[in-house]
């Protein structure tokens, strides 16, 4: 009988929400344990076994020199590395500091900034090591995570939905907020995964699952501008959970240029 694949779960700069999504799987987690040996998962057990590991789940972004060195060790002892959540795949909300000055951020947040040693930016795991698969979300969808783990354990390519949130709204029978109410919504350019939760509660999509592929942000922002939405309202919408993804970053920086040069201009 072949041994079960060994799984390790690691945390970097994050809120732990994506790790908790695995614990929230409950019954599915028990079934996973029949196929996978959870060797290292500090959120769930103090039994932290040494590597090497067949699968590593990595939550969180790289924000310190220590973590930049630690992710190299995790990569070296992991055969298959999966990043989970917006922090690990795009830098997370903390990557908003990438547009500012780190010394100013530290002074405004900490009463004793002289004790803080941090990098000037918050970056995704893929900016430091090779990543085999990325699972997006803030937090991730635990059903998707279970499917990915089972796929890897069975030696097949993981598959997650790649369509936009708009399709999920159609399936739920949710009326489009952009069309019916003129509310800015990132649903047309955001990857599915949440089940179109925010639009179902009369709120526009915040882009928790990152950009869909393709993501025509320019066309969407032009529509928002036609509805009378100014750049200073749209920039915070894009600079959120996945602010530094290439698609959202380029769009927000275009808007900042418009805001600087005069709001009367359009994309």
Foldseek 3Di string as FASTA:
>chain_A
DDDAFEEAEEEDADDCVQVVLQVVVVVLNVVLVVRYPDQYDVVVDPNHHDFQGAEYEYEAWAKAPVVLVVLVVNVVSYNAYEYFELCQPANFLQQVLVPDAQVVVLVVPDVCSVPDGIHSGTGHSVVRDDHRYYAYFPHANSVLVSQCSVCVSVPHHRDDFQAFLVVLCVVVVQDDCCVPPVAQAQRRFAGDGPSNVQSVVVHHHLRRRHGGVVGPLQVSQQSSVVSVDFLVVVLVSLSHGRNRDVVSVVNNVVRVVCVVVDRVDGD
